[in-house]
Amino acid sequence: MMINNNLKMMIVWLISLYIPLNVIANELEVTEINKPIVIANKFSIKSKVLNDLRTFHVHLPTGYNKSSNYPVLYIPDAKRKMQKTAAITDDLADFAGRIPKMIVVGIETNKNRKADLSSLISSKQFLTFITKELKPYINTKYATNGENLLMGSSMGGEFVVRALLEQPKEFDAYFAISPSIYYSDFQLVKKANEISNNKKQINKHLYLSVANEGWNQGVEELVYNLRKHPIQGLQWKFTKLEEESHGSISLGQGYQGLQSYYASWAKPHFKNTTDFESKGGLLGLKDVYTTRNPSIVPISILEHMALLYVDEKNVEQAIKLSLYAIKQHPTSGRALRNLAYVYEKLHMPKKALVTYEKALSTSIKNNHKKSSIESHKRALAEFKKRIL
């Protein structure tokens, strides 16, 4: 009987090998949902500076709200960079929580990319179009906070360096990824030295990078001169990535550059209670978030620190942080449930029971997701079993 069953299975398997894949595919019911993913909206603008019709794209962050204010990242090579730049900013803001949500504005170069980004006179005009016409329009049309960034790679990176040296007041941070410094006969190196010799101040941030391109690219020539002839006030960082090529460097360096610039913005992490207290404790944490949008301290930080204090049997601090989490997040079942857990661990079962029940009722009252409500129900039931 066992042999017959095995033989049947072998026959079925052999037959299945001869069934064309397109037959299987044709049996599947597939319906196209005609809702494309929109990365950005596309606009045209009649520029008086350029006496030309130009195209630009605007990507709004997830949950964009006119009552909030956002930084704006400008990229001068939209055809090549718009998609990846929008992906970088959304990923870092939404998933990683390492940078603030921001608006991305990508400007298309005209038929002659070199003229807009590299040629000395025409690229200055293109820069003036961005700073004197496009920026004011963006600030009027969208909820901006006055913080402006400029990012580009290759000739776009060269354009970024030129913008820093020609109109340093227009942007707060400049990201020049593998800039083609050689393309304009190293004029940017000469300009940087001139600014240094004249002791002019540029109180801005510059992020320079280069791949495995050698000195011919001109980036290391610029770096050498910035070190030898520093520009007063300029905070700059240089990264050399031998494992990257001119074509592969932009995605990773865009990602890293934004994180470097917003290093102090990322969610604080504390190794232990000593680390937390050395940075001001709860008062220090409040100060950090006072200048942020939103200015609410995340539950996850308060929860993490409260549990560390529970491990140390520090009742006062554990409860204090948990109560502050509830104050900051009054409709959160999670904040209440964390307080209940703290009470339980600190051997306060009556308070724990009341708070577990309140976590459930708050979740129901505020129409939280069904899965969240069920989770609170389970937590309450399990706690009741533990105290029986």
Protein backbone atom coordinates (compact mmCIF):
# COMPACT_ATOMS: atom_id res chain seq x y z
CA MET A 1 0.00 0.00 0.00
CA MET A 2 2.87 2.37 0.92
CA ILE A 3 4.57 1.66 -2.43
CA ASN A 4 1.35 2.41 -4.35
CA ASN A 5 0.88 5.72 -2.55
CA ASN A 6 4.46 6.73 -3.22
CA LEU A 7 4.07 5.77 -6.87
CA LYS A 8 0.92 7.90 -7.16
CA MET A 9 2.72 10.89 -5.67
CA MET A 10 5.62 10.41 -8.06
CA ILE A 11 3.27 10.30 -11.05
CA VAL A 12 1.46 13.49 -9.94
CA TRP A 13 4.79 15.24 -9.48
CA LEU A 14 6.04 14.17 -12.93
CA ILE A 15 2.81 15.34 -14.59
CA SER A 16 3.07 18.72 -12.84
CA LEU A 17 6.48 19.25 -14.42
CA TYR A 18 4.90 19.22 -17.85
CA ILE A 19 2.08 21.68 -17.08
CA PRO A 20 3.04 24.94 -18.81
CA LEU A 21 3.45 27.85 -16.41
CA ASN A 22 1.24 30.05 -18.60
CA VAL A 23 -1.64 27.63 -18.07
CA ILE A 24 -1.34 28.07 -14.30
CA ALA A 25 -0.99 31.84 -14.69
CA ASN A 26 -4.06 32.06 -16.91
CA GLU A 27 -6.16 30.41 -14.21
CA LEU A 28 -5.38 33.24 -11.74
CA GLU A 29 -7.84 36.10 -11.52
CA VAL A 30 -5.91 39.38 -11.69
CA THR A 31 -7.54 42.82 -11.77
CA GLU A 32 -5.63 45.99 -12.49
CA ILE A 33 -6.32 48.71 -9.92
CA ASN A 34 -5.84 51.92 -11.82
CA LYS A 35 -4.39 53.92 -8.94
CA PRO A 36 -0.76 54.76 -9.71
CA ILE A 37 1.64 55.70 -6.94
CA VAL A 38 2.23 59.44 -7.35
CA ILE A 39 5.71 60.48 -6.27
CA ALA A 40 5.41 64.15 -7.11
CA ASN A 41 3.27 66.73 -8.88
CA LYS A 42 4.70 68.36 -11.98
CA PHE A 43 4.50 72.10 -12.74
CA SER A 44 5.78 74.58 -15.28
CA ILE A 45 6.90 78.11 -14.51
CA LYS A 46 7.66 81.00 -16.85
CA SER A 47 10.98 82.35 -15.62
CA LYS A 48 11.75 86.01 -16.12
CA VAL A 49 15.36 85.44 -15.09
CA LEU A 50 15.89 82.77 -17.74
CA ASN A 51 13.27 84.04 -20.18
CA ASP A 52 12.22 80.44 -20.55
CA LEU A 53 9.51 77.99 -19.52
CA ARG A 54 10.87 75.60 -16.90
CA THR A 55 9.56 72.41 -15.29
CA PHE A 56 9.74 71.48 -11.63
CA HIS A 57 8.34 68.73 -9.38
CA VAL A 58 7.05 68.92 -5.80
CA HIS A 59 6.96 65.91 -3.48
CA LEU A 60 5.02 66.41 -0.26
CA PRO A 61 5.81 64.32 2.84
CA THR A 62 3.46 61.69 4.22
CA GLY A 63 0.67 63.36 6.19
CA TYR A 64 1.47 66.83 4.84
CA ASN A 65 -0.54 69.39 6.80
CA LYS A 66 -0.75 73.10 6.04
CA SER A 67 -0.89 73.88 9.75
CA SER A 68 2.63 72.42 10.16
CA ASN A 69 5.89 73.74 8.73
CA TYR A 70 8.49 71.76 6.79
CA PRO A 71 12.09 72.10 5.55
CA VAL A 72 12.55 72.10 1.77
CA LEU A 73 15.17 70.06 -0.07
CA TYR A 74 15.95 71.36 -3.57
CA ILE A 75 17.57 69.15 -6.20
CA PRO A 76 18.73 70.73 -9.50
CA ASP A 77 18.63 67.57 -11.63
CA ALA A 78 15.07 66.27 -11.24
CA LYS A 79 14.93 63.94 -14.24
CA ARG A 80 17.74 61.86 -12.82
CA LYS A 81 17.28 62.29 -9.06
CA MET A 82 13.64 63.00 -8.14
CA GLN A 83 12.51 59.44 -7.49
CA LYS A 84 15.46 58.35 -5.38
CA THR A 85 15.57 61.60 -3.40
CA ALA A 86 11.88 61.38 -2.48
CA ALA A 87 12.43 57.74 -1.47
CA ILE A 88 15.36 58.73 0.76
CA THR A 89 13.53 61.53 2.58
CA ASP A 90 10.36 59.50 3.12
CA ASP A 91 12.26 56.47 4.39
CA LEU A 92 14.40 58.49 6.81
CA ALA A 93 11.45 60.53 8.08
CA ASP A 94 8.64 57.97 8.19
CA PHE A 95 10.30 54.65 8.94
CA ALA A 96 13.66 55.49 10.48
CA GLY A 97 12.63 58.66 12.30
CA ARG A 98 16.11 60.12 11.67
CA ILE A 99 15.15 63.37 9.91
CA PRO A 100 12.09 65.63 9.92
CA LYS A 101 9.44 65.25 7.26
CA MET A 102 10.32 67.53 4.36
CA ILE A 103 9.18 68.85 1.01
CA VAL A 104 11.33 67.89 -1.99
CA VAL A 105 11.48 70.25 -4.98
CA GLY A 106 13.18 68.91 -8.09
CA ILE A 107 14.04 71.27 -10.95
CA GLU A 108 14.50 69.87 -14.43
CA THR A 109 17.47 71.09 -16.41
CA ASN A 110 16.77 72.40 -19.88
CA LYS A 111 17.85 70.69 -23.09
CA ASN A 112 21.43 71.67 -22.29
CA ARG A 113 22.19 70.14 -18.87
CA LYS A 114 25.74 71.47 -18.89
CA ALA A 115 24.55 75.03 -19.43
CA ASP A 116 22.29 74.89 -16.37
CA LEU A 117 24.63 73.08 -14.03
CA SER A 118 28.20 73.66 -15.10
CA SER A 119 28.80 76.57 -17.50
CA LEU A 120 29.84 79.52 -15.41
CA ILE A 121 27.48 82.31 -16.51
CA SER A 122 24.40 80.26 -17.41
CA SER A 123 24.59 78.12 -14.25
CA LYS A 124 24.66 81.30 -12.15
CA GLN A 125 21.47 82.40 -13.94
CA PHE A 126 19.90 79.01 -13.23
CA LEU A 127 20.83 79.44 -9.56
CA THR A 128 19.26 82.92 -9.50
CA PHE A 129 16.08 81.49 -11.04
CA ILE A 130 15.90 78.96 -8.18
CA THR A 131 16.66 81.41 -5.38
CA LYS A 132 14.80 84.50 -6.60
CA GLU A 133 11.78 83.00 -8.37
CA LEU A 134 11.17 79.37 -7.46
CA LYS A 135 11.98 79.55 -3.74
CA PRO A 136 9.65 82.49 -3.08
CA TYR A 137 6.87 80.68 -4.94
CA ILE A 138 7.39 77.48 -2.90
CA ASN A 139 7.40 79.47 0.35
CA THR A 140 4.12 81.15 -0.62
CA LYS A 141 2.38 78.02 -1.87
CA TYR A 142 3.49 75.47 0.76
CA ALA A 143 3.94 75.26 4.54
CA THR A 144 7.68 75.85 4.80
CA ASN A 145 9.72 76.62 7.92
CA GLY A 146 12.55 78.65 6.37
CA GLU A 147 15.09 75.82 6.37
CA ASN A 148 16.38 75.13 2.86
CA LEU A 149 18.75 72.40 1.66
CA LEU A 150 20.42 71.87 -1.71
CA MET A 151 21.58 68.46 -2.95
CA GLY A 152 23.10 67.29 -6.22
CA SER A 153 25.53 64.77 -7.70
CA SER A 154 27.97 64.84 -10.61
CA MET A 155 27.29 68.12 -12.47
CA GLY A 156 24.48 68.66 -9.98
CA GLY A 157 27.10 68.41 -7.22
CA GLU A 158 29.26 70.95 -9.02
CA PHE A 159 26.22 73.23 -9.11
CA VAL A 160 25.77 72.77 -5.34
CA VAL A 161 29.36 73.87 -4.64
CA ARG A 162 28.89 76.89 -6.91
CA ALA A 163 25.69 77.81 -5.08
CA LEU A 164 27.55 77.67 -1.74
CA LEU A 165 30.31 79.96 -2.97
CA GLU A 166 28.11 82.36 -4.96
CA GLN A 167 24.95 82.61 -2.84
CA PRO A 168 25.77 81.09 0.56
CA LYS A 169 22.85 82.74 2.37
CA GLU A 170 20.22 80.95 0.27
CA PHE A 171 20.56 77.45 1.77
CA ASP A 172 21.39 76.07 5.19
CA ALA A 173 23.16 72.88 4.08
CA TYR A 174 24.80 71.91 0.81
CA PHE A 175 25.21 68.26 -0.26
CA ALA A 176 27.69 67.88 -3.15
CA ILE A 177 27.94 64.21 -4.09
CA SER A 178 30.85 63.39 -6.39
CA PRO A 179 30.78 66.92 -7.87
CA SER A 180 32.43 67.37 -11.26
CA ILE A 181 34.83 70.09 -10.12
CA TYR A 182 37.05 69.55 -13.16
CA TYR A 183 34.20 70.30 -15.58
CA SER A 184 34.51 74.08 -15.16
CA ASP A 185 38.30 74.02 -15.25
CA PHE A 186 38.65 74.04 -11.43
CA GLN A 187 37.16 77.53 -11.21
CA LEU A 188 35.39 76.53 -7.99
CA VAL A 189 38.72 75.74 -6.30
CA LYS A 190 39.97 79.21 -7.24
CA LYS A 191 36.74 80.79 -5.98
CA ALA A 192 37.01 78.96 -2.62
CA ASN A 193 40.62 80.15 -2.20
CA GLU A 194 39.58 83.70 -3.03
CA ILE A 195 36.88 83.64 -0.34
CA SER A 196 39.40 82.27 2.17
CA ASN A 197 42.03 84.89 1.31
CA ASN A 198 39.46 87.69 1.64
CA LYS A 199 38.46 86.26 5.04
CA LYS A 200 34.79 86.14 4.16
CA GLN A 201 32.60 84.06 6.43
CA ILE A 202 30.23 81.32 5.24
CA ASN A 203 28.40 79.97 8.27
CA LYS A 204 26.89 76.98 6.53
CA HIS A 205 27.23 73.18 6.28
CA LEU A 206 28.87 71.43 3.31
CA TYR A 207 28.88 67.66 2.76
CA LEU A 208 31.38 66.59 0.09
CA SER A 209 31.89 63.06 -1.18
CA VAL A 210 33.66 61.23 -3.97
CA ALA A 211 33.78 57.66 -5.27
CA ASN A 212 36.71 55.73 -6.76
CA GLU A 213 37.40 58.48 -9.30
CA GLY A 214 40.81 59.73 -8.27
CA TRP A 215 42.08 63.30 -8.37
CA ASN A 216 40.82 63.81 -11.93
CA GLN A 217 37.30 64.45 -10.61
CA GLY A 218 38.65 67.51 -8.82
CA VAL A 219 36.96 66.83 -5.48
CA GLU A 220 40.18 65.96 -3.67
CA GLU A 221 41.82 69.07 -5.15
CA LEU A 222 39.00 71.11 -3.58
CA VAL A 223 39.34 69.25 -0.27
CA TYR A 224 43.11 69.83 -0.23
CA ASN A 225 42.58 73.56 -0.69
CA LEU A 226 39.78 73.79 1.87
CA ARG A 227 42.16 72.29 4.41
CA LYS A 228 45.05 74.54 3.38
CA HIS A 229 42.91 77.66 2.96
CA PRO A 230 39.91 77.20 5.28
CA ILE A 231 36.81 79.33 4.81
CA GLN A 232 35.80 81.00 8.06
CA GLY A 233 32.60 79.63 9.57
CA LEU A 234 32.19 76.80 7.05
CA GLN A 235 31.48 73.44 8.67
CA TRP A 236 32.30 70.77 6.14
CA LYS A 237 32.70 67.03 5.98
CA PHE A 238 34.43 64.94 3.31
CA THR A 239 33.73 61.27 2.61
CA LYS A 240 35.68 59.11 0.16
CA LEU A 241 34.16 55.78 -0.85
CA GLU A 242 36.54 53.63 -2.85
CA GLU A 243 33.96 50.84 -3.18
CA GLU A 244 31.52 53.13 -5.00
CA SER A 245 31.56 54.41 -8.58
CA HIS A 246 30.52 57.79 -9.92
CA GLY A 247 27.16 56.30 -10.88
CA SER A 248 26.47 54.37 -7.68
CA ILE A 249 27.43 56.83 -4.95
CA SER A 250 24.47 59.22 -4.97
CA LEU A 251 21.80 57.08 -3.28
CA GLY A 252 23.89 56.06 -0.27
CA GLN A 253 25.50 59.45 0.21
CA GLY A 254 22.18 61.25 -0.03
CA TYR A 255 20.97 58.95 2.73
CA GLN A 256 24.07 59.44 4.89
CA GLY A 257 24.39 63.17 4.28
CA LEU A 258 20.89 63.96 5.51
CA GLN A 259 21.41 61.82 8.60
CA SER A 260 24.69 63.60 9.37
CA TYR A 261 23.10 67.02 9.05
CA TYR A 262 20.15 66.03 11.25
CA ALA A 263 22.22 63.99 13.72
CA SER A 264 20.94 66.00 16.67
CA TRP A 265 17.35 65.69 15.41
CA ALA A 266 17.16 61.89 15.54
CA LYS A 267 15.28 60.31 18.42
CA PRO A 268 17.55 60.31 21.51
CA HIS A 269 18.76 56.98 22.81
CA PHE A 270 20.04 56.38 26.33
CA LYS A 271 22.18 53.38 27.22
CA ASN A 272 21.13 53.37 30.85
CA THR A 273 19.73 55.60 33.59
CA THR A 274 23.16 57.11 34.26
CA ASP A 275 23.41 58.14 30.61
CA PHE A 276 19.86 59.53 30.78
CA GLU A 277 20.56 61.58 33.90
CA SER A 278 23.89 62.85 32.57
CA LYS A 279 21.94 64.40 29.67
CA GLY A 280 19.46 66.16 31.92
CA GLY A 281 16.95 63.40 32.61
CA LEU A 282 13.32 64.24 31.93
CA LEU A 283 13.98 68.00 31.86
CA GLY A 284 16.71 67.50 29.27
CA LEU A 285 14.39 65.34 27.19
CA LYS A 286 11.67 68.00 27.34
CA ASP A 287 14.18 70.62 26.16
CA VAL A 288 15.15 68.47 23.16
CA TYR A 289 11.55 68.21 21.98
CA THR A 290 10.61 71.83 22.67
CA THR A 291 12.12 72.85 19.31
CA ARG A 292 10.73 69.89 17.37
CA ASN A 293 7.61 69.43 15.33
CA PRO A 294 5.72 67.69 16.82
CA SER A 295 7.03 68.71 20.27
CA ILE A 296 5.64 65.62 22.00
CA VAL A 297 8.13 63.17 23.55
CA PRO A 298 7.59 59.71 21.98
CA ILE A 299 6.08 57.02 24.18
CA SER A 300 8.87 54.61 23.24
CA ILE A 301 11.59 56.73 24.92
CA LEU A 302 9.60 57.28 28.12
CA GLU A 303 8.60 53.61 28.22
CA HIS A 304 12.20 52.46 27.76
CA MET A 305 13.51 54.68 30.55
CA ALA A 306 10.66 53.82 32.94
CA LEU A 307 11.43 50.11 32.60
CA LEU A 308 15.13 50.73 33.21
CA TYR A 309 14.20 52.48 36.45
CA VAL A 310 11.91 49.55 37.34
CA ASP A 311 14.93 47.22 37.03
CA GLU A 312 16.75 49.47 39.51
CA LYS A 313 13.73 49.47 41.86
CA ASN A 314 13.57 53.25 41.52
CA VAL A 315 9.83 53.61 42.14
CA GLU A 316 9.65 57.39 41.98
CA GLN A 317 11.37 57.80 38.61
CA ALA A 318 9.64 54.82 36.97
CA ILE A 319 6.18 56.12 37.89
CA LYS A 320 7.10 59.74 37.10
CA LEU A 321 8.14 58.89 33.53
CA SER A 322 5.11 56.67 32.97
CA LEU A 323 2.72 59.38 34.19
CA TYR A 324 4.42 61.93 31.94
CA ALA A 325 3.92 59.59 28.98
CA ILE A 326 0.18 59.58 29.73
CA LYS A 327 0.18 63.38 30.00
CA GLN A 328 1.88 63.65 26.60
CA HIS A 329 -0.37 60.98 25.04
CA PRO A 330 -3.74 61.25 26.85
CA THR A 331 -5.64 59.06 24.36
CA SER A 332 -3.03 56.29 24.31
CA GLY A 333 -3.91 52.88 25.65
CA ARG A 334 -0.24 51.92 25.30
CA ALA A 335 0.90 54.63 27.74
CA LEU A 336 -1.63 53.49 30.33
CA ARG A 337 -0.75 49.85 29.84
CA ASN A 338 2.91 50.62 30.36
CA LEU A 339 2.07 52.37 33.64
CA ALA A 340 0.02 49.31 34.66
CA TYR A 341 3.01 47.09 33.91
CA VAL A 342 5.25 49.38 35.98
CA TYR A 343 2.81 49.17 38.92
CA GLU A 344 2.75 45.39 38.58
CA LYS A 345 6.54 45.09 38.56
CA LEU A 346 6.77 47.39 41.58
CA HIS A 347 4.30 45.15 43.47
CA MET A 348 1.33 47.53 43.40
CA PRO A 349 -1.39 45.11 42.17
CA LYS A 350 -4.43 47.28 43.00
CA LYS A 351 -3.10 50.24 41.05
CA ALA A 352 -2.00 47.90 38.27
CA LEU A 353 -5.50 46.41 37.92
CA VAL A 354 -7.19 49.81 37.76
CA THR A 355 -4.69 51.01 35.15
CA TYR A 356 -4.95 47.88 32.97
CA GLU A 357 -8.74 48.40 32.98
CA LYS A 358 -8.30 52.07 32.11
CA ALA A 359 -5.98 51.20 29.22
CA LEU A 360 -8.71 48.99 27.74
CA SER A 361 -11.51 51.53 28.26
CA THR A 362 -9.38 54.34 26.77
CA SER A 363 -8.64 52.24 23.71
CA ILE A 364 -12.36 51.50 23.22
CA LYS A 365 -13.41 55.11 23.88
CA ASN A 366 -10.99 56.46 21.27
CA ASN A 367 -11.95 53.89 18.62
CA HIS A 368 -8.51 52.32 18.39
CA LYS A 369 -7.88 49.45 16.01
CA LYS A 370 -9.63 46.18 16.80
CA SER A 371 -6.27 44.42 17.18
CA SER A 372 -5.17 47.02 19.74
CA ILE A 373 -8.36 46.63 21.78
CA GLU A 374 -8.01 42.84 21.72
CA SER A 375 -4.40 43.16 22.88
CA HIS A 376 -5.50 45.25 25.89
CA LYS A 377 -8.20 42.69 26.70
CA ARG A 378 -5.63 39.89 26.69
CA ALA A 379 -3.23 41.90 28.86
CA LEU A 380 -5.97 42.53 31.43
CA ALA A 381 -7.10 38.88 31.46
CA GLU A 382 -3.53 37.61 31.83
CA PHE A 383 -2.87 40.02 34.69
CA LYS A 384 -5.98 38.81 36.52
CA LYS A 385 -4.72 35.25 36.20
CA ARG A 386 -1.34 36.23 37.64
CA ILE A 387 -2.82 37.82 40.78
CA LEU A 388 -5.26 34.99 41.56
